[in-house]
Each structure stands twice: as structure tokens, then as C-alpha cells.
């Protein structure tokens, strides 16, 4: 079609729901048409103009002609390039798995059947259900983009992994304070030459709830992606959109114990990165991937298993989970959502707003001394205690009371209302 002028026109047909756009292929002479998916003339003209530009520039391929390799290249350059590095990395991993296991020749080959087979192949190799779900989400997003560009008629149906009853999609769990202390004791075994730096880093994760990637760019400098703001009434975190999972500029409060941790840094040293995790040889900042492996190795040395089925040991994200769990017992869900920077309150409720079973048990047992006996045997025991005769002095004093007041002279259980033996029958 190069060298030929293509003009897309709009037509209305009585048997079609929407306005149609069409052009004559200068090579074959055949009429090509597509729906504009609108009855608004002005909107249809905009859609037609976009299609015409794609045809003129050679960027459009009919769905049955564009191959997977070409589509992937376009998606990575036109869509993923504008997203975060983490998104690009995750999508790339999903596409690599797809090519290795399915190897689709054309985009149109990615049918519901093939994607179901892909899911089965992923599971057969032992990949976690959470990772399978992540791969499928990225592939579904890519196919949705293909539909927007007219490269596919519709996104094939994808059956996402579902949790079995009693299981969770969480890869880890919140670690306890005792387990955190064990991690600190193992830091010198993993990083003997800069153990104090890494112990400080782990403490910062424990107190801040920051994601690992966020912690690597946390800075005292105002122009950093994530910086510490000390000029207001209370210290705050200033997070720019490019460094935040929700892709929004935010100004958020800092938990008081993390503030205390930060202010231990002398004023003259408050510049650059807060956590200076550098290579021992290169003295350059360590990558987030390397940091993640080091923290996980510390968790492994401490023997803290957070997912028995997967054989997973405590990681940096489990410190974040612990932060959320601690604050869940202190603040409202909406406040915790803000602290954790979750886009959805469902995420907050699902993963973090749940007190530890031991905490709940402690709360229940705290009422034991003030509660009414629950079983017949307990009630009989309490009745016998209350039916024991008063000592002589108490009996004499009771005899001197008027009849009405004597009826009220009953024994009071510690911390409770007044009870007589009849109350427990």
C-alpha cells in the first residue's frame, strides 16, 4: 500500500448497528470495511481518521496477518515504554513464557484454548498460582490493547486461577517481632562487612512499610522520586507518580516510630539516599533484585518460613506485611489503606486487617476474671462459694441491718455486678 493514497470514508447501512468505515485496497482493488462502533458522525470521523493514518503509515495489519513477534514489538514500544520498569519487566517475563511454551505464530493464534493450554503448561512446571495469575493478567492487557487498535476482534476468554477453599494468594505472611529479631541476629552471617548498614535497612523496612523498590530511592533530597518532607507540622513522605505503584503524586504521613528512626540521622548527613546499600567492591548502589535476594537469604538463615508449600522464607515484602498487621490493630481500615498506599480497600482488608490469633486470644482471656461462668459445673462452683457462711463479725453486722438492706447484703464478685446464689441457677 506504500505510494498509494488511501482514503477512508464513512457509510451508514440499514442492516448495521453502527456507522461503517471503508476504503479500497490499492493493491487488490477490494473494499475493506470496519465498524466505527458509534452512531455519532463526529466520533466516527475521528475513528476513521485514525484508521486512515495507520494505513498510510503502514502500522495497520489485518488480524489474520499480523504475527505475534511484530505485535509484541509494537506493544513494548508503543504501550509498555510509557509504564513503569516493573510493569515492563513483568510483561516481558509473561511474553517469554508464552513464546517458550506456546510459540504463537500469529496474534490470532492466541485463542481461549491455547491460553488454557498455556496455563496448564505453567502449572506443570511448578510455577506458583500467583505467578500464573500475574502472567495471564499481562497477556490479557496486551490482547485488550490489540482490540483497541483493531488488531483483534475481541479478547479471548481467559480462566484466571481461583483459590482453593482455605488457601490464599498471598505468597508470604506477616512476620512476628520475635522473628524480626532473629533476622537481625543473622545479618552479620550474610553481610559481615557492612552488617550495621543492613541491620539499619531491615529496621527501616519494618518501621516504614515501604515497598522494596521504594526504599531504594527514598532520599533526603527534595527532587528525588520519594523524599522526606520535614518542613510541615508533621514529617511526611513526598512521592512522585513515577516512583509509586498507583502512579499518583502523594504527600503522606510518616509513622511516628519511623520518624524517630529517621531523625537519628544527624542534620549534616541528611542528603542523598536514606538507605545506602552499595556493593562491597563497586561501591555502586545494589539493584533491587540483588537487595531482594540478600534479604531473603537473611530470612532463610533465620529459619523463618512464610509459605511452607512453596518453601519460601521471609522477604522484604513480609516486613511490609508485618507493618500493615501491626497498624491494623491501631487504626481504621481507611487510615491503613492510606499508610499502605493500596489502590483498593479490598486489598487492605484482604491482606492486612486481621489481628494475630494470639492477640485475639489475649483479648478474650482478659475478660475471664470479669465474666459469668459459662458451664453448669462452673456455675455450681461459683454458687457454692457464694453460699459459704459469713464469718461471725460479718454475720453480726448483717443482723443489725434493717430487713430490706439485709436482702441487698450479698457478696460481690471481683470486678463484676452483685450476684447472689440464685443468679447462677
Protein backbone atom coordinates (compact mmCIF):
# COMPACT_ATOMS: atom_id res chain seq x y z
CA UNK A 1 0.00 0.00 0.00
CA UNK A 2 3.06 2.25 0.11
CA UNK A 3 3.00 5.00 -2.50
CA UNK A 4 -0.77 4.89 -2.83
CA UNK A 5 -3.12 7.35 -1.23
CA UNK A 6 -5.72 5.62 0.92
CA UNK A 7 -8.91 7.41 1.86
CA UNK A 8 -11.27 6.05 4.49
CA UNK A 9 -14.91 7.04 4.08
CA UNK A 10 -17.92 6.63 6.37
CA UNK A 11 -21.17 4.99 5.34
CA UNK A 12 -24.44 4.07 7.03
CA UNK A 13 -26.11 0.73 6.29
CA UNK A 14 -29.63 -0.18 7.32
CA UNK A 15 -28.58 -3.64 8.43
CA UNK A 16 -25.67 -2.43 10.58
CA UNK A 17 -25.91 -1.18 14.14
CA UNK A 18 -23.12 1.41 13.81
CA UNK A 19 -21.67 3.66 11.13
CA UNK A 20 -19.17 1.80 8.94
CA UNK A 21 -15.82 2.99 7.58
CA UNK A 22 -14.37 1.63 4.35
CA UNK A 23 -11.55 2.05 1.86
CA UNK A 24 -10.43 0.44 -1.39
CA UNK A 25 -7.21 -1.56 -1.16
CA UNK A 26 -4.99 -0.04 -3.90
CA UNK A 27 -3.22 -3.37 -4.40
CA UNK A 28 -6.14 -5.80 -4.64
CA UNK A 29 -8.90 -3.35 -5.51
CA UNK A 30 -11.08 -4.94 -2.84
CA UNK A 31 -13.22 -2.90 -0.47
CA UNK A 32 -12.19 -3.22 3.16
CA UNK A 33 -14.63 -2.15 5.87
CA UNK A 34 -14.85 -1.96 9.63
CA UNK A 35 -17.34 -0.75 12.19
CA UNK A 36 -16.72 2.58 13.88
CA UNK A 37 -18.70 1.27 16.90
CA UNK A 38 -20.57 4.57 17.14
CA UNK A 39 -23.55 6.33 15.58
CA UNK A 40 -22.15 9.77 16.28
CA UNK A 41 -20.90 11.22 12.98
CA UNK A 42 -18.16 13.34 14.52
CA UNK A 43 -16.84 10.47 16.65
CA UNK A 44 -16.96 8.17 13.62
CA UNK A 45 -14.89 10.67 11.64
CA UNK A 46 -12.23 10.68 14.35
CA UNK A 47 -12.09 6.87 14.34
CA UNK A 48 -11.87 6.83 10.54
CA UNK A 49 -9.07 9.42 10.53
CA UNK A 50 -7.06 7.31 12.97
CA UNK A 51 -7.51 4.18 10.86
CA UNK A 52 -6.55 6.09 7.72
CA UNK A 53 -3.35 7.33 9.38
CA UNK A 54 -2.43 3.79 10.44
CA UNK A 55 -3.00 2.54 6.89
CA UNK A 56 -0.95 5.34 5.37
CA UNK A 57 1.95 4.77 7.74
CA UNK A 58 1.83 1.00 7.30
CA UNK A 59 1.15 0.41 11.01
CA UNK A 60 -2.12 -1.45 10.50
CA UNK A 61 -2.25 -5.17 9.76
CA UNK A 62 -5.38 -7.21 9.38
CA UNK A 63 -5.93 -9.51 12.37
CA UNK A 64 -5.17 -12.66 10.41
CA UNK A 65 -1.93 -11.26 9.03
CA UNK A 66 -0.06 -9.65 11.95
CA UNK A 67 2.30 -12.11 13.58
CA UNK A 68 3.00 -12.38 17.29
CA UNK A 69 6.58 -11.13 17.05
CA UNK A 70 5.51 -7.94 15.27
CA UNK A 71 2.67 -7.38 17.71
CA UNK A 72 4.94 -7.85 20.73
CA UNK A 73 7.43 -5.35 19.35
CA UNK A 74 4.68 -2.76 18.85
CA UNK A 75 3.16 -3.35 22.27
CA UNK A 76 6.50 -2.99 24.05
CA UNK A 77 7.45 0.17 22.15
CA UNK A 78 4.08 1.90 21.97
CA UNK A 79 2.46 0.87 25.26
CA UNK A 80 4.87 -0.61 27.79
CA UNK A 81 7.50 2.06 27.19
CA UNK A 82 5.23 4.58 28.94
CA UNK A 83 4.72 2.40 32.02
CA UNK A 84 6.95 1.61 34.99
CA UNK A 85 10.04 -0.55 34.76
CA UNK A 86 8.42 -3.17 36.97
CA UNK A 87 5.44 -3.46 34.64
CA UNK A 88 7.74 -3.80 31.64
CA UNK A 89 9.77 -6.48 33.39
CA UNK A 90 6.68 -8.46 34.44
CA UNK A 91 5.10 -8.27 30.97
CA UNK A 92 8.37 -9.32 29.34
CA UNK A 93 8.56 -12.35 31.62
CA UNK A 94 4.99 -13.31 30.70
CA UNK A 95 5.68 -12.99 26.98
CA UNK A 96 8.88 -15.03 27.27
CA UNK A 97 7.00 -17.86 28.98
CA UNK A 98 4.28 -17.68 26.33
CA UNK A 99 6.76 -17.96 23.48
CA UNK A 100 8.67 -20.79 25.12
CA UNK A 101 5.57 -22.89 25.88
CA UNK A 102 3.10 -21.98 23.13
CA UNK A 103 5.16 -20.17 20.49
CA UNK A 104 2.24 -18.47 18.71
CA UNK A 105 2.96 -17.73 15.08
CA UNK A 106 0.21 -15.15 14.67
CA UNK A 107 -1.63 -12.95 17.12
CA UNK A 108 -4.87 -14.60 16.07
CA UNK A 109 -3.49 -17.95 17.29
CA UNK A 110 -3.93 -16.88 20.91
CA UNK A 111 -7.36 -18.41 21.36
CA UNK A 112 -9.06 -19.32 24.64
CA UNK A 113 -7.99 -22.94 24.06
CA UNK A 114 -4.34 -22.03 23.57
CA UNK A 115 -4.30 -19.76 26.61
CA UNK A 116 -5.84 -22.54 28.69
CA UNK A 117 -3.06 -24.84 27.50
CA UNK A 118 -0.51 -22.16 28.38
CA UNK A 119 -1.90 -22.00 31.91
CA UNK A 120 -1.67 -25.78 32.17
CA UNK A 121 1.96 -25.76 30.99
CA UNK A 122 2.87 -23.09 33.54
CA UNK A 123 1.31 -25.17 36.31
CA UNK A 124 3.05 -28.32 35.14
CA UNK A 125 6.46 -26.67 35.53
CA UNK A 126 5.69 -25.88 39.17
CA UNK A 127 5.08 -22.14 38.83
CA UNK A 128 3.09 -20.63 41.71
CA UNK A 129 -0.60 -19.85 41.15
CA UNK A 130 0.09 -16.21 41.96
CA UNK A 131 2.74 -16.05 39.21
CA UNK A 132 0.41 -17.77 36.76
CA UNK A 133 -2.26 -15.18 37.52
CA UNK A 134 0.27 -12.37 37.01
CA UNK A 135 1.39 -13.73 33.62
CA UNK A 136 -2.21 -14.09 32.45
CA UNK A 137 -3.11 -10.55 33.53
CA UNK A 138 -0.27 -9.10 31.46
CA UNK A 139 -1.23 -11.17 28.44
CA UNK A 140 -4.87 -10.15 28.81
CA UNK A 141 -3.83 -6.49 28.99
CA UNK A 142 -1.79 -6.86 25.80
CA UNK A 143 -4.68 -8.51 23.97
CA UNK A 144 -7.01 -5.78 25.18
CA UNK A 145 -4.68 -3.21 23.64
CA UNK A 146 -4.78 -5.22 20.39
CA UNK A 147 -8.57 -4.97 20.39
CA UNK A 148 -8.39 -1.19 20.91
CA UNK A 149 -6.19 -0.92 17.82
CA UNK A 150 -8.42 -3.19 15.77
CA UNK A 151 -5.83 -5.95 15.57
CA UNK A 152 -8.19 -8.41 17.24
CA UNK A 153 -11.96 -8.58 17.19
CA UNK A 154 -12.20 -9.49 20.89
CA UNK A 155 -10.08 -10.64 23.80
CA UNK A 156 -10.31 -14.44 24.12
CA UNK A 157 -11.82 -15.65 27.38
CA UNK A 158 -9.16 -16.37 30.00
CA UNK A 159 -9.95 -18.50 33.02
CA UNK A 160 -7.96 -16.94 35.85
CA UNK A 161 -6.65 -19.20 38.65
CA UNK A 162 -9.00 -19.40 41.61
CA UNK A 163 -8.05 -20.03 45.20
CA UNK A 164 -8.98 -23.37 46.68
CA UNK A 165 -11.03 -23.13 49.87
CA UNK A 166 -8.80 -22.40 52.82
CA UNK A 167 -5.93 -21.18 50.65
CA UNK A 168 -4.71 -17.67 49.96
CA UNK A 169 -3.00 -15.96 47.07
CA UNK A 170 -0.58 -14.31 49.48
CA UNK A 171 2.92 -15.58 48.80
CA UNK A 172 4.07 -14.93 52.35
CA UNK A 173 2.78 -13.74 55.69
CA UNK A 174 3.49 -11.03 58.26
CA UNK A 175 6.47 -11.96 60.40
CA UNK A 176 6.37 -11.52 64.16
CA UNK A 177 8.54 -9.24 66.31
CA UNK A 178 10.44 -12.28 67.58
CA UNK A 179 11.12 -13.41 64.02
CA UNK A 180 12.28 -9.93 63.07
CA UNK A 181 14.77 -10.01 65.95
CA UNK A 182 16.03 -13.35 64.66
CA UNK A 183 16.58 -11.82 61.24
CA UNK A 184 18.67 -9.04 62.78
CA UNK A 185 20.91 -11.58 64.52
CA UNK A 186 21.62 -13.27 61.19
CA UNK A 187 22.61 -10.13 59.30
CA UNK A 188 26.34 -10.48 60.18
CA UNK A 189 26.37 -14.00 58.72
CA UNK A 190 25.12 -12.77 55.35
CA UNK A 191 26.77 -9.31 55.25
CA UNK A 192 29.74 -9.47 57.66
CA UNK A 193 31.49 -6.40 56.25
CA UNK A 194 28.55 -3.97 56.31
CA UNK A 195 26.17 -5.62 58.78
CA UNK A 196 25.26 -2.36 60.51
CA UNK A 197 24.06 -0.86 57.21
CA UNK A 198 21.85 -3.86 56.50
CA UNK A 199 20.51 -4.07 60.06
CA UNK A 200 19.51 -0.43 59.74
CA UNK A 201 17.88 -1.15 56.39
CA UNK A 202 15.81 -4.02 57.75
CA UNK A 203 14.72 -1.83 60.67
CA UNK A 204 13.69 0.87 58.22
CA UNK A 205 11.53 -1.59 56.26
CA UNK A 206 9.99 -2.88 59.50
CA UNK A 207 9.05 0.63 60.65
CA UNK A 208 8.08 2.25 57.33
CA UNK A 209 6.07 -0.33 55.38
CA UNK A 210 7.83 0.79 52.19
CA UNK A 211 7.96 -1.49 49.18
CA UNK A 212 11.48 -2.66 48.39
CA UNK A 213 11.75 -0.61 45.18
CA UNK A 214 10.52 2.47 47.03
CA UNK A 215 13.07 2.04 49.77
CA UNK A 216 15.93 2.10 47.27
CA UNK A 217 15.01 5.61 46.08
CA UNK A 218 13.93 7.10 49.43
CA UNK A 219 16.01 10.25 49.78
CA UNK A 220 16.57 13.36 51.84
CA UNK A 221 16.73 15.39 48.60
CA UNK A 222 13.62 17.32 47.54
CA UNK A 223 13.88 16.37 43.86
CA UNK A 224 14.10 12.61 44.48
CA UNK A 225 11.23 10.29 43.43
CA UNK A 226 10.47 9.70 47.12
CA UNK A 227 11.69 12.26 49.63
CA UNK A 228 11.27 13.11 53.28
CA UNK A 229 9.46 16.38 53.94
CA UNK A 230 10.35 17.89 57.32
CA UNK A 231 9.07 21.44 56.86
CA UNK A 232 5.42 20.80 57.75
CA UNK A 233 3.71 20.39 61.11
CA UNK A 234 4.43 16.66 60.92
CA UNK A 235 7.09 14.84 58.85
CA UNK A 236 5.70 13.45 55.58
CA UNK A 237 6.70 11.42 52.55
CA UNK A 238 6.55 13.16 49.19
CA UNK A 239 6.08 10.53 46.47
CA UNK A 240 6.07 11.43 42.80
CA UNK A 241 3.95 9.39 40.38
CA UNK A 242 6.87 7.71 38.61
CA UNK A 243 8.02 6.07 41.85
CA UNK A 244 4.62 4.97 43.11
CA UNK A 245 2.68 1.84 42.21
CA UNK A 246 -0.57 3.80 41.99
CA UNK A 247 1.06 6.31 39.55
CA UNK A 248 -0.10 9.35 41.52
CA UNK A 249 1.74 12.17 43.27
CA UNK A 250 1.21 11.77 47.00
CA UNK A 251 2.05 13.53 50.25
CA UNK A 252 1.62 11.05 53.08
CA UNK A 253 2.19 10.99 56.85
CA UNK A 254 5.13 9.05 58.28
CA UNK A 255 4.51 6.73 61.25
CA UNK A 256 5.97 8.22 64.47
CA UNK A 257 8.37 5.33 65.14
CA UNK A 258 9.81 5.65 61.63
CA UNK A 259 10.18 9.40 62.21
CA UNK A 260 12.22 8.66 65.34
CA UNK A 261 14.35 6.29 63.29
CA UNK A 262 14.96 8.90 60.57
CA UNK A 263 15.77 11.74 62.95
CA UNK A 264 18.66 9.74 64.39
CA UNK A 265 20.50 10.79 61.23
CA UNK A 266 22.47 13.98 62.06
CA UNK A 267 21.21 17.08 60.18
CA UNK A 268 24.51 17.44 58.36
CA UNK A 269 24.18 13.92 56.92
CA UNK A 270 20.62 14.31 55.65
CA UNK A 271 21.33 14.29 51.92
CA UNK A 272 21.17 11.65 49.23
CA UNK A 273 19.68 8.22 49.71
CA UNK A 274 18.43 7.26 53.16
CA UNK A 275 19.49 3.62 52.74
CA UNK A 276 22.91 3.48 51.12
CA UNK A 277 23.16 -0.14 50.08
CA UNK A 278 26.28 -0.31 47.95
CA UNK A 279 28.32 -3.16 46.52
CA UNK A 280 31.39 -4.04 48.56
CA UNK A 281 33.65 -3.96 45.51
CA UNK A 282 31.97 -1.48 43.16
CA UNK A 283 30.67 0.90 45.84
CA UNK A 284 27.74 1.48 43.48
CA UNK A 285 24.09 1.12 44.50
CA UNK A 286 22.93 -2.50 44.58
CA UNK A 287 19.99 -3.34 42.30
CA UNK A 288 16.56 -4.01 43.84
CA UNK A 289 16.76 -7.62 42.61
CA UNK A 290 20.04 -8.16 44.46
CA UNK A 291 18.67 -6.49 47.59
CA UNK A 292 15.67 -8.79 47.49
CA UNK A 293 17.90 -11.87 47.31
CA UNK A 294 20.03 -10.68 50.24
CA UNK A 295 17.00 -10.02 52.46
CA UNK A 296 15.56 -13.42 51.56
CA UNK A 297 18.89 -15.06 52.41
CA UNK A 298 18.79 -13.39 55.83
CA UNK A 299 15.27 -14.73 56.32
CA UNK A 300 16.46 -18.20 55.31
CA UNK A 301 19.40 -18.11 57.73
CA UNK A 302 16.94 -17.12 60.46
CA UNK A 303 14.77 -20.11 59.56
CA UNK A 304 11.62 -18.05 59.06
CA UNK A 305 9.32 -19.93 56.69
CA UNK A 306 6.43 -17.80 55.43
CA UNK A 307 5.00 -20.25 52.88
CA UNK A 308 5.56 -23.93 53.65
CA UNK A 309 4.03 -25.17 50.42
CA UNK A 310 6.40 -23.08 48.31
CA UNK A 311 9.35 -23.40 50.69
CA UNK A 312 9.52 -19.60 50.86
CA UNK A 313 11.45 -17.75 53.53
CA UNK A 314 10.89 -14.26 54.92
CA UNK A 315 11.42 -11.49 52.37
CA UNK A 316 11.35 -7.71 52.25
CA UNK A 317 7.64 -7.78 51.44
CA UNK A 318 6.92 -9.83 54.55
CA UNK A 319 8.33 -6.93 56.57
CA UNK A 320 5.80 -4.70 54.81
CA UNK A 321 3.05 -7.18 55.67
CA UNK A 322 4.17 -7.08 59.30
CA UNK A 323 3.93 -3.28 59.25
CA UNK A 324 0.36 -3.49 57.96
CA UNK A 325 -0.64 -6.07 60.54
CA UNK A 326 0.77 -4.04 63.47
CA UNK A 327 -1.02 -0.88 62.40
CA UNK A 328 -4.26 -2.73 61.64
CA UNK A 329 -4.77 -3.13 65.38
CA UNK A 330 -4.31 0.62 65.94
CA UNK A 331 -6.02 2.48 63.07
CA UNK A 332 -9.17 2.32 60.96
CA UNK A 333 -9.09 0.44 57.63
CA UNK A 334 -9.26 3.70 55.65
CA UNK A 335 -6.21 5.01 57.51
CA UNK A 336 -4.34 1.76 56.99
CA UNK A 337 -5.17 1.90 53.28
CA UNK A 338 -3.53 5.33 53.17
CA UNK A 339 -0.46 4.14 55.07
CA UNK A 340 -0.07 1.09 52.82
CA UNK A 341 -0.96 3.09 49.69
CA UNK A 342 -3.34 0.43 48.39
CA UNK A 343 -5.49 1.48 45.45
CA UNK A 344 -8.34 -0.71 46.66
CA UNK A 345 -9.69 -1.01 50.19
CA UNK A 346 -10.36 -4.68 49.40
CA UNK A 347 -6.61 -5.25 49.25
CA UNK A 348 -6.21 -3.69 52.67
CA UNK A 349 -9.00 -5.75 54.17
CA UNK A 350 -7.90 -8.96 52.48
CA UNK A 351 -4.25 -8.98 53.41
CA UNK A 352 -3.73 -6.85 56.46
CA UNK A 353 -6.76 -6.07 58.59
CA UNK A 354 -6.63 -9.28 60.58
CA UNK A 355 -5.30 -9.48 64.09
CA UNK A 356 -2.93 -12.24 65.04
CA UNK A 357 -4.73 -15.22 66.62
CA UNK A 358 -2.67 -14.83 69.80
CA UNK A 359 -3.75 -11.19 70.09
CA UNK A 360 -7.40 -12.18 69.79
CA UNK A 361 -6.91 -14.92 72.40
CA UNK A 362 -5.29 -12.44 74.79
CA UNK A 363 -8.23 -10.10 74.34
CA UNK A 364 -10.71 -12.89 75.10
CA UNK A 365 -8.82 -14.14 78.16
CA UNK A 366 -8.66 -10.61 79.53
CA UNK A 367 -12.39 -10.86 80.19
CA UNK A 368 -12.15 -14.17 82.07
CA UNK A 369 -11.97 -12.67 85.57
CA UNK A 370 -14.96 -10.45 84.83
CA UNK A 371 -17.19 -12.94 83.09
CA UNK A 372 -20.16 -15.00 84.30
CA UNK A 373 -19.35 -18.77 84.47
CA UNK A 374 -20.31 -20.48 81.21
CA UNK A 375 -20.77 -24.19 82.15
CA UNK A 376 -23.12 -25.82 84.73
CA UNK A 377 -20.13 -27.12 86.68
CA UNK A 378 -18.60 -23.64 86.81
CA UNK A 379 -21.92 -22.14 87.89
CA UNK A 380 -22.30 -24.73 90.68
CA UNK A 381 -18.77 -24.00 91.91
CA UNK A 382 -19.45 -20.28 91.99
CA UNK A 383 -22.78 -20.88 93.80
CA UNK A 384 -21.06 -22.91 96.49
CA UNK A 385 -18.52 -20.16 97.01
CA UNK A 386 -21.23 -17.59 97.41
CA UNK A 387 -23.29 -19.88 99.74
CA UNK A 388 -20.47 -20.23 102.29
CA UNK A 389 -21.45 -18.67 105.71
CA UNK A 390 -20.08 -15.29 106.59
CA UNK A 391 -17.66 -15.05 109.47
CA UNK A 392 -19.13 -14.08 112.85
CA UNK A 393 -18.32 -10.42 112.66
CA UNK A 394 -19.81 -10.15 109.17
CA UNK A 395 -22.89 -12.13 110.25
CA UNK A 396 -23.36 -9.94 113.30
CA UNK A 397 -23.09 -6.83 111.21
CA UNK A 398 -25.62 -8.20 108.75
CA UNK A 399 -28.08 -8.98 111.60
CA UNK A 400 -28.03 -5.35 112.66
CA UNK A 401 -29.14 -4.20 109.18
CA UNK A 402 -32.80 -3.48 108.53
CA UNK A 403 -34.60 -6.30 106.69
CA UNK A 404 -34.67 -4.50 103.29
CA UNK A 405 -30.99 -3.60 103.46
CA UNK A 406 -30.09 -7.14 104.60
CA UNK A 407 -31.63 -8.51 101.40
CA UNK A 408 -29.13 -6.44 99.49
CA UNK A 409 -26.15 -7.54 101.56
CA UNK A 410 -24.78 -10.06 99.07
CA UNK A 411 -21.25 -10.95 98.14
CA UNK A 412 -19.81 -9.13 95.12
CA UNK A 413 -17.58 -10.96 92.69
CA UNK A 414 -14.35 -9.04 91.89
CA UNK A 415 -14.83 -6.64 89.04
CA UNK A 416 -18.48 -7.59 88.44
CA UNK A 417 -22.02 -6.64 89.42
CA UNK A 418 -23.52 -8.05 92.61
CA UNK A 419 -24.57 -11.67 92.38
CA UNK A 420 -26.49 -13.98 94.78
CA UNK A 421 -26.58 -17.76 94.57
CA UNK A 422 -29.95 -17.59 92.82
CA UNK A 423 -28.34 -15.70 89.93
CA UNK A 424 -26.47 -18.82 88.77
CA UNK A 425 -29.24 -21.45 89.00
